[in-house]
Amino acid sequence: MHPLYWVDDLVGLDARRKELSLPPIREYLQMEMMVKFCAAMAK
């Protein structure tokens, strides 16, 4: 399985998620599309 690696948020995207109409990171990682992608990468 491939782990998720932490990256530096140089432009402050995480703090601006709501302003940019992006879902919270926890919800994003649980989205069906992301779950399927991660499962496929683990194979």
PDB file of N, CA and C in Angstrom:
ATOM      1  N   MET A   1       0.846  -1.181   0.000  1.00  0.00           N
ATOM      2  CA  MET A   1       0.000   0.000   0.000  1.00  0.00           C
ATOM      3  C   MET A   1       0.887   1.239   0.000  1.00  0.00           C
ATOM      4  N   HIS A   2       0.486   2.249  -0.734  1.00  0.00           N
ATOM      5  CA  HIS A   2       1.244   3.487  -0.806  1.00  0.00           C
ATOM      6  C   HIS A   2       0.734   4.455   0.262  1.00  0.00           C
ATOM      7  N   PRO A   3       1.604   4.940   1.124  1.00  0.00           N
ATOM      8  CA  PRO A   3       1.170   5.900   2.140  1.00  0.00           C
ATOM      9  C   PRO A   3       0.970   7.288   1.540  1.00  0.00           C
ATOM     10  N   LEU A   4       0.188   8.098   2.208  1.00  0.00           N
ATOM     11  CA  LEU A   4       0.057   9.498   1.822  1.00  0.00           C
ATOM     12  C   LEU A   4       1.164  10.273   2.516  1.00  0.00           C
ATOM     13  N   TYR A   5       1.884  11.080   1.785  1.00  0.00           N
ATOM     14  CA  TYR A   5       2.977  11.843   2.350  1.00  0.00           C
ATOM     15  C   TYR A   5       2.558  13.285   2.579  1.00  0.00           C
ATOM     16  N   TRP A   6       2.940  13.835   3.722  1.00  0.00           N
ATOM     17  CA  TRP A   6       2.657  15.218   4.059  1.00  0.00           C
ATOM     18  C   TRP A   6       3.519  16.120   3.181  1.00  0.00           C
ATOM     19  N   VAL A   7       2.952  17.187   2.673  1.00  0.00           N
ATOM     20  CA  VAL A   7       3.712  18.163   1.884  1.00  0.00           C
ATOM     21  C   VAL A   7       3.529  19.539   2.505  1.00  0.00           C
ATOM     22  N   ASP A   8       4.499  20.397   2.301  1.00  0.00           N
ATOM     23  CA  ASP A   8       4.396  21.770   2.790  1.00  0.00           C
ATOM     24  C   ASP A   8       3.305  22.502   2.019  1.00  0.00           C
ATOM     25  N   ASP A   9       2.491  23.257   2.716  1.00  0.00           N
ATOM     26  CA  ASP A   9       1.401  24.024   2.110  1.00  0.00           C
ATOM     27  C   ASP A   9       1.889  25.460   1.945  1.00  0.00           C
ATOM     28  N   LEU A  10       2.754  25.672   0.975  1.00  0.00           N
ATOM     29  CA  LEU A  10       3.428  26.965   0.808  1.00  0.00           C
ATOM     30  C   LEU A  10       2.478  28.114   0.480  1.00  0.00           C
ATOM     31  N   VAL A  11       1.355  27.837  -0.175  1.00  0.00           N
ATOM     32  CA  VAL A  11       0.433  28.917  -0.557  1.00  0.00           C
ATOM     33  C   VAL A  11      -0.770  29.020   0.378  1.00  0.00           C
ATOM     34  N   GLY A  12      -0.804  28.218   1.444  1.00  0.00           N
ATOM     35  CA  GLY A  12      -1.885  28.296   2.425  1.00  0.00           C
ATOM     36  C   GLY A  12      -3.217  27.763   1.928  1.00  0.00           C
ATOM     37  N   LEU A  13      -3.175  26.779   1.035  1.00  0.00           N
ATOM     38  CA  LEU A  13      -4.402  26.221   0.477  1.00  0.00           C
ATOM     39  C   LEU A  13      -5.309  25.652   1.553  1.00  0.00           C
ATOM     40  N   ASP A  14      -4.739  24.943   2.506  1.00  0.00           N
ATOM     41  CA  ASP A  14      -5.568  24.311   3.533  1.00  0.00           C
ATOM     42  C   ASP A  14      -6.376  25.350   4.302  1.00  0.00           C
ATOM     43  N   ALA A  15      -5.777  26.487   4.606  1.00  0.00           N
ATOM     44  CA  ALA A  15      -6.480  27.544   5.344  1.00  0.00           C
ATOM     45  C   ALA A  15      -7.546  28.210   4.477  1.00  0.00           C
ATOM     46  N   ARG A  16      -7.455  28.079   3.161  1.00  0.00           N
ATOM     47  CA  ARG A  16      -8.386  28.738   2.237  1.00  0.00           C
ATOM     48  C   ARG A  16      -9.381  27.773   1.613  1.00  0.00           C
ATOM     49  N   ARG A  17      -9.483  26.543   2.107  1.00  0.00           N
ATOM     50  CA  ARG A  17     -10.365  25.530   1.505  1.00  0.00           C
ATOM     51  C   ARG A  17     -11.809  26.030   1.408  1.00  0.00           C
ATOM     52  N   LYS A  18     -12.344  26.613   2.470  1.00  0.00           N
ATOM     53  CA  LYS A  18     -13.734  27.073   2.461  1.00  0.00           C
ATOM     54  C   LYS A  18     -13.910  28.209   1.452  1.00  0.00           C
ATOM     55  N   GLU A  19     -12.985  29.156   1.470  1.00  0.00           N
ATOM     56  CA  GLU A  19     -13.025  30.296   0.549  1.00  0.00           C
ATOM     57  C   GLU A  19     -13.001  29.828  -0.914  1.00  0.00           C
ATOM     58  N   LEU A  20     -12.285  28.765  -1.182  1.00  0.00           N
ATOM     59  CA  LEU A  20     -12.155  28.240  -2.542  1.00  0.00           C
ATOM     60  C   LEU A  20     -13.215  27.185  -2.873  1.00  0.00           C
ATOM     61  N   SER A  21     -14.182  27.005  -1.980  1.00  0.00           N
ATOM     62  CA  SER A  21     -15.267  26.024  -2.145  1.00  0.00           C
ATOM     63  C   SER A  21     -14.745  24.595  -2.264  1.00  0.00           C
ATOM     64  N   LEU A  22     -13.682  24.291  -1.531  1.00  0.00           N
ATOM     65  CA  LEU A  22     -13.127  22.945  -1.489  1.00  0.00           C
ATOM     66  C   LEU A  22     -13.636  22.258  -0.225  1.00  0.00           C
ATOM     67  N   PRO A  23     -13.932  20.966  -0.299  1.00  0.00           N
ATOM     68  CA  PRO A  23     -14.395  20.264   0.905  1.00  0.00           C
ATOM     69  C   PRO A  23     -13.253  20.136   1.910  1.00  0.00           C
ATOM     70  N   PRO A  24     -13.580  19.979   3.186  1.00  0.00           N
ATOM     71  CA  PRO A  24     -12.540  19.736   4.185  1.00  0.00           C
ATOM     72  C   PRO A  24     -11.719  18.509   3.776  1.00  0.00           C
ATOM     73  N   ILE A  25     -10.440  18.513   4.089  1.00  0.00           N
ATOM     74  CA  ILE A  25      -9.531  17.454   3.653  1.00  0.00           C
ATOM     75  C   ILE A  25     -10.020  16.070   4.084  1.00  0.00           C
ATOM     76  N   ARG A  26     -10.582  15.952   5.265  1.00  0.00           N
ATOM     77  CA  ARG A  26     -11.087  14.654   5.743  1.00  0.00           C
ATOM     78  C   ARG A  26     -12.209  14.154   4.827  1.00  0.00           C
ATOM     79  N   GLU A  27     -13.129  15.035   4.431  1.00  0.00           N
ATOM     80  CA  GLU A  27     -14.205  14.642   3.523  1.00  0.00           C
ATOM     81  C   GLU A  27     -13.654  14.311   2.142  1.00  0.00           C
ATOM     82  N   TYR A  28     -12.707  15.084   1.673  1.00  0.00           N
ATOM     83  CA  TYR A  28     -12.101  14.853   0.358  1.00  0.00           C
ATOM     84  C   TYR A  28     -11.483  13.461   0.269  1.00  0.00           C
ATOM     85  N   LEU A  29     -10.768  13.075   1.320  1.00  0.00           N
ATOM     86  CA  LEU A  29     -10.106  11.772   1.304  1.00  0.00           C
ATOM     87  C   LEU A  29     -11.090  10.612   1.401  1.00  0.00           C
ATOM     88  N   GLN A  30     -12.321  10.893   1.831  1.00  0.00           N
ATOM     89  CA  GLN A  30     -13.328   9.847   1.937  1.00  0.00           C
ATOM     90  C   GLN A  30     -14.245   9.797   0.718  1.00  0.00           C
ATOM     91  N   MET A  31     -14.066  10.711  -0.242  1.00  0.00           N
ATOM     92  CA  MET A  31     -14.904  10.722  -1.443  1.00  0.00           C
ATOM     93  C   MET A  31     -14.695   9.429  -2.225  1.00  0.00           C
ATOM     94  N   GLU A  32     -15.766   8.953  -2.807  1.00  0.00           N
ATOM     95  CA  GLU A  32     -15.729   7.683  -3.542  1.00  0.00           C
ATOM     96  C   GLU A  32     -14.628   7.667  -4.601  1.00  0.00           C
ATOM     97  N   MET A  33     -14.477   8.756  -5.344  1.00  0.00           N
ATOM     98  CA  MET A  33     -13.466   8.826  -6.390  1.00  0.00           C
ATOM     99  C   MET A  33     -12.062   8.619  -5.807  1.00  0.00           C
ATOM    100  N   MET A  34     -11.773   9.263  -4.692  1.00  0.00           N
ATOM    101  CA  MET A  34     -10.448   9.173  -4.084  1.00  0.00           C
ATOM    102  C   MET A  34     -10.217   7.788  -3.495  1.00  0.00           C
ATOM    103  N   VAL A  35     -11.240   7.212  -2.875  1.00  0.00           N
ATOM    104  CA  VAL A  35     -11.123   5.870  -2.295  1.00  0.00           C
ATOM    105  C   VAL A  35     -10.811   4.867  -3.401  1.00  0.00           C
ATOM    106  N   LYS A  36     -11.513   4.957  -4.531  1.00  0.00           N
ATOM    107  CA  LYS A  36     -11.269   4.037  -5.649  1.00  0.00           C
ATOM    108  C   LYS A  36      -9.870   4.232  -6.218  1.00  0.00           C
ATOM    109  N   PHE A  37      -9.414   5.467  -6.337  1.00  0.00           N
ATOM    110  CA  PHE A  37      -8.085   5.751  -6.871  1.00  0.00           C
ATOM    111  C   PHE A  37      -7.009   5.141  -5.956  1.00  0.00           C
ATOM    112  N   CYS A  38      -7.138   5.367  -4.668  1.00  0.00           N
ATOM    113  CA  CYS A  38      -6.143   4.833  -3.720  1.00  0.00           C
ATOM    114  C   CYS A  38      -6.149   3.309  -3.723  1.00  0.00           C
ATOM    115  N   ALA A  39      -7.328   2.707  -3.831  1.00  0.00           N
ATOM    116  CA  ALA A  39      -7.409   1.241  -3.865  1.00  0.00           C
ATOM    117  C   ALA A  39      -6.728   0.699  -5.128  1.00  0.00           C
ATOM    118  N   ALA A  40      -6.917   1.377  -6.239  1.00  0.00           N
ATOM    119  CA  ALA A  40      -6.303   0.949  -7.491  1.00  0.00           C
ATOM    120  C   ALA A  40      -4.783   1.082  -7.420  1.00  0.00           C
ATOM    121  N   MET A  41      -4.279   2.129  -6.778  1.00  0.00           N
ATOM    122  CA  MET A  41      -2.839   2.344  -6.666  1.00  0.00           C
ATOM    123  C   MET A  41      -2.196   1.303  -5.747  1.00  0.00           C
ATOM    124  N   ALA A  42      -2.969   0.758  -4.818  1.00  0.00           N
ATOM    125  CA  ALA A  42      -2.441  -0.228  -3.869  1.00  0.00           C
ATOM    126  C   ALA A  42      -2.255  -1.596  -4.515  1.00  0.00           C
ATOM    127  N   LYS A  43      -2.868  -1.814  -5.655  1.00  0.00           N
ATOM    128  CA  LYS A  43      -2.778  -3.125  -6.329  1.00  0.00           C
ATOM    129  C   LYS A  43      -1.464  -3.292  -7.043  1.00  0.00           C
TER     130      LYS A  43
END
